[in-house]
Amino acid sequence: MRMFAALFLSILISVGVGIYAAVSNKAEGIIPSVVGIFQALPILAFFPFVIYVFVFLLPGYIGINAAVVFLIITSMI
């Protein structure tokens, strides 16, 4: 279920950002640069930081699940 939730959210975010980049002249220059930076950064580079922040903000099982979903979304986008 986490995987399907992350897939659905990543599709919504990607379509929203794509539409925003197509409509806005300012975003048209910024978004490809940001996407290029995130493509070059492997998911394992910020994995420990994301786990630490999410578990600190949402302790227990909920924090771990939220971190996993966030990492899946960022890797899919």
N, C-alpha and C. Protein backbone atom coordinates (compact mmCIF):
# COMPACT_ATOMS: atom_id res chain seq x y z
N MET A 1 0.83 -1.20 0.00
CA MET A 1 0.00 0.00 0.00
C MET A 1 0.87 1.26 0.00
N ARG A 2 2.02 1.19 0.70
CA ARG A 2 2.91 2.35 0.71
C ARG A 2 3.41 2.65 -0.69
N MET A 3 3.72 1.62 -1.43
CA MET A 3 4.24 1.81 -2.78
C MET A 3 3.19 2.44 -3.69
N PHE A 4 1.96 1.98 -3.61
CA PHE A 4 0.91 2.56 -4.44
C PHE A 4 0.58 3.98 -4.02
N ALA A 5 0.61 4.27 -2.74
CA ALA A 5 0.39 5.64 -2.27
C ALA A 5 1.50 6.55 -2.76
N ALA A 6 2.74 6.10 -2.68
CA ALA A 6 3.87 6.90 -3.15
C ALA A 6 3.82 7.09 -4.66
N LEU A 7 3.43 6.05 -5.39
CA LEU A 7 3.31 6.15 -6.84
C LEU A 7 2.25 7.18 -7.22
N PHE A 8 1.09 7.11 -6.57
CA PHE A 8 0.00 8.05 -6.85
C PHE A 8 0.43 9.48 -6.53
N LEU A 9 1.06 9.69 -5.38
CA LEU A 9 1.51 11.03 -5.01
C LEU A 9 2.60 11.55 -5.95
N SER A 10 3.51 10.68 -6.36
CA SER A 10 4.57 11.14 -7.27
C SER A 10 4.00 11.51 -8.64
N ILE A 11 3.00 10.79 -9.10
CA ILE A 11 2.36 11.15 -10.37
C ILE A 11 1.67 12.49 -10.25
N LEU A 12 0.95 12.71 -9.14
CA LEU A 12 0.27 14.00 -8.94
C LEU A 12 1.27 15.15 -8.87
N ILE A 13 2.34 14.97 -8.14
CA ILE A 13 3.35 16.01 -8.02
C ILE A 13 4.01 16.28 -9.36
N SER A 14 4.36 15.23 -10.08
CA SER A 14 5.04 15.39 -11.37
C SER A 14 4.17 16.11 -12.39
N VAL A 15 2.90 15.73 -12.45
CA VAL A 15 1.99 16.39 -13.39
C VAL A 15 1.80 17.85 -12.99
N GLY A 16 1.64 18.11 -11.70
CA GLY A 16 1.48 19.49 -11.23
C GLY A 16 2.69 20.35 -11.53
N VAL A 17 3.87 19.83 -11.27
CA VAL A 17 5.10 20.58 -11.55
C VAL A 17 5.28 20.77 -13.05
N GLY A 18 4.94 19.76 -13.84
CA GLY A 18 5.04 19.87 -15.30
C GLY A 18 4.12 20.92 -15.86
N ILE A 19 2.89 20.96 -15.37
CA ILE A 19 1.94 21.98 -15.82
C ILE A 19 2.41 23.36 -15.40
N TYR A 20 2.91 23.48 -14.17
CA TYR A 20 3.42 24.76 -13.69
C TYR A 20 4.62 25.22 -14.52
N ALA A 21 5.50 24.31 -14.89
CA ALA A 21 6.66 24.66 -15.71
C ALA A 21 6.24 25.07 -17.12
N ALA A 22 5.17 24.49 -17.62
CA ALA A 22 4.70 24.84 -18.97
C ALA A 22 4.00 26.19 -18.99
N VAL A 23 3.37 26.56 -17.89
CA VAL A 23 2.60 27.80 -17.85
C VAL A 23 3.46 29.01 -17.46
N SER A 24 4.37 28.81 -16.52
CA SER A 24 5.15 29.91 -15.97
C SER A 24 6.50 30.04 -16.68
N ASN A 25 6.81 31.25 -17.12
CA ASN A 25 8.11 31.49 -17.76
C ASN A 25 9.24 31.41 -16.75
N LYS A 26 9.00 31.86 -15.54
CA LYS A 26 10.03 31.82 -14.50
C LYS A 26 10.36 30.39 -14.11
N ALA A 27 9.32 29.56 -13.94
CA ALA A 27 9.52 28.16 -13.55
C ALA A 27 10.14 27.34 -14.67
N GLU A 28 9.95 27.78 -15.91
CA GLU A 28 10.49 27.05 -17.06
C GLU A 28 12.02 26.99 -17.02
N GLY A 29 12.65 27.99 -16.44
CA GLY A 29 14.10 27.99 -16.35
C GLY A 29 14.62 27.35 -15.08
N ILE A 30 13.82 27.36 -14.02
CA ILE A 30 14.28 26.87 -12.72
C ILE A 30 14.06 25.36 -12.56
N ILE A 31 12.91 24.88 -12.93
CA ILE A 31 12.53 23.48 -12.67
C ILE A 31 13.47 22.48 -13.35
N PRO A 32 13.86 22.66 -14.61
CA PRO A 32 14.80 21.69 -15.19
C PRO A 32 16.14 21.64 -14.46
N SER A 33 16.59 22.77 -13.95
CA SER A 33 17.85 22.78 -13.19
C SER A 33 17.72 22.01 -11.89
N VAL A 34 16.62 22.22 -11.19
CA VAL A 34 16.39 21.51 -9.93
C VAL A 34 16.25 20.01 -10.17
N VAL A 35 15.54 19.64 -11.21
CA VAL A 35 15.37 18.23 -11.53
C VAL A 35 16.72 17.60 -11.89
N GLY A 36 17.56 18.32 -12.60
CA GLY A 36 18.89 17.82 -12.94
C GLY A 36 19.76 17.58 -11.72
N ILE A 37 19.65 18.48 -10.74
CA ILE A 37 20.41 18.31 -9.50
C ILE A 37 19.93 17.08 -8.75
N PHE A 38 18.61 16.90 -8.65
CA PHE A 38 18.09 15.74 -7.93
C PHE A 38 18.36 14.43 -8.66
N GLN A 39 18.47 14.45 -9.99
CA GLN A 39 18.81 13.24 -10.72
C GLN A 39 20.25 12.84 -10.48
N ALA A 40 21.12 13.82 -10.29
CA ALA A 40 22.53 13.52 -10.06
C ALA A 40 22.79 13.06 -8.63
N LEU A 41 21.90 13.37 -7.71
CA LEU A 41 22.08 13.02 -6.30
C LEU A 41 21.42 11.66 -6.03
N PRO A 42 22.20 10.65 -5.66
CA PRO A 42 21.59 9.35 -5.40
C PRO A 42 20.73 9.38 -4.13
N ILE A 43 19.73 8.55 -4.11
CA ILE A 43 18.78 8.51 -3.00
C ILE A 43 19.48 8.12 -1.70
N LEU A 44 20.52 7.32 -1.79
CA LEU A 44 21.23 6.89 -0.59
C LEU A 44 22.03 8.02 0.05
N ALA A 45 22.25 9.11 -0.68
CA ALA A 45 23.02 10.22 -0.13
C ALA A 45 22.28 10.93 0.99
N PHE A 46 20.97 11.07 0.86
CA PHE A 46 20.22 11.74 1.92
C PHE A 46 19.26 10.82 2.66
N PHE A 47 19.40 9.53 2.46
CA PHE A 47 18.59 8.53 3.16
C PHE A 47 18.69 8.64 4.68
N PRO A 48 19.90 8.67 5.27
CA PRO A 48 19.98 8.75 6.74
C PRO A 48 19.39 10.04 7.30
N PHE A 49 19.62 11.15 6.59
CA PHE A 49 19.08 12.44 7.05
C PHE A 49 17.55 12.43 7.05
N VAL A 50 16.95 11.89 5.99
CA VAL A 50 15.48 11.83 5.89
C VAL A 50 14.91 10.94 6.98
N ILE A 51 15.51 9.79 7.20
CA ILE A 51 15.03 8.90 8.26
C ILE A 51 15.11 9.60 9.61
N TYR A 52 16.23 10.25 9.89
CA TYR A 52 16.41 10.94 11.17
C TYR A 52 15.36 12.04 11.36
N VAL A 53 15.14 12.86 10.34
CA VAL A 53 14.20 13.98 10.46
C VAL A 53 12.77 13.46 10.63
N PHE A 54 12.36 12.50 9.82
CA PHE A 54 10.99 12.01 9.91
C PHE A 54 10.73 11.29 11.22
N VAL A 55 11.68 10.50 11.69
CA VAL A 55 11.48 9.79 12.96
C VAL A 55 11.51 10.77 14.13
N PHE A 56 12.30 11.85 14.00
CA PHE A 56 12.32 12.88 15.04
C PHE A 56 10.99 13.63 15.09
N LEU A 57 10.43 13.95 13.92
CA LEU A 57 9.17 14.69 13.87
C LEU A 57 7.97 13.81 14.17
N LEU A 58 7.98 12.59 13.68
CA LEU A 58 6.87 11.66 13.87
C LEU A 58 7.43 10.37 14.47
N PRO A 59 7.55 10.29 15.77
CA PRO A 59 8.20 9.11 16.36
C PRO A 59 7.42 7.82 16.13
N GLY A 60 8.17 6.76 16.08
CA GLY A 60 7.57 5.43 15.98
C GLY A 60 7.36 4.98 14.56
N TYR A 61 6.39 4.10 14.41
CA TYR A 61 6.09 3.44 13.14
C TYR A 61 5.62 4.43 12.08
N ILE A 62 4.89 5.46 12.49
CA ILE A 62 4.37 6.45 11.54
C ILE A 62 5.52 7.23 10.89
N GLY A 63 6.52 7.60 11.67
CA GLY A 63 7.67 8.32 11.13
C GLY A 63 8.46 7.50 10.13
N ILE A 64 8.64 6.24 10.42
CA ILE A 64 9.37 5.37 9.50
C ILE A 64 8.60 5.20 8.19
N ASN A 65 7.29 4.99 8.29
CA ASN A 65 6.47 4.87 7.07
C ASN A 65 6.47 6.17 6.27
N ALA A 66 6.38 7.30 6.95
CA ALA A 66 6.40 8.58 6.25
C ALA A 66 7.74 8.79 5.54
N ALA A 67 8.83 8.41 6.19
CA ALA A 67 10.15 8.53 5.57
C ALA A 67 10.27 7.64 4.35
N VAL A 68 9.76 6.42 4.45
CA VAL A 68 9.82 5.49 3.32
C VAL A 68 9.02 6.03 2.14
N VAL A 69 7.81 6.52 2.40
CA VAL A 69 6.99 7.08 1.34
C VAL A 69 7.67 8.30 0.71
N PHE A 70 8.26 9.16 1.54
CA PHE A 70 8.96 10.33 1.01
C PHE A 70 10.13 9.92 0.14
N LEU A 71 10.90 8.95 0.54
CA LEU A 71 12.04 8.49 -0.25
C LEU A 71 11.59 7.84 -1.56
N ILE A 72 10.49 7.11 -1.53
CA ILE A 72 9.97 6.51 -2.76
C ILE A 72 9.50 7.60 -3.70
N ILE A 73 8.80 8.60 -3.17
CA ILE A 73 8.31 9.70 -4.01
C ILE A 73 9.47 10.45 -4.66
N THR A 74 10.50 10.76 -3.88
CA THR A 74 11.62 11.49 -4.45
C THR A 74 12.39 10.67 -5.49
N SER A 75 12.45 9.38 -5.30
CA SER A 75 13.15 8.57 -6.29
C SER A 75 12.31 8.38 -7.57
N MET A 76 10.99 8.39 -7.45
CA MET A 76 10.14 8.23 -8.62
C MET A 76 10.01 9.52 -9.42
N ILE A 77 10.00 10.64 -8.73
CA ILE A 77 9.86 11.91 -9.45
C ILE A 77 11.10 12.15 -10.27
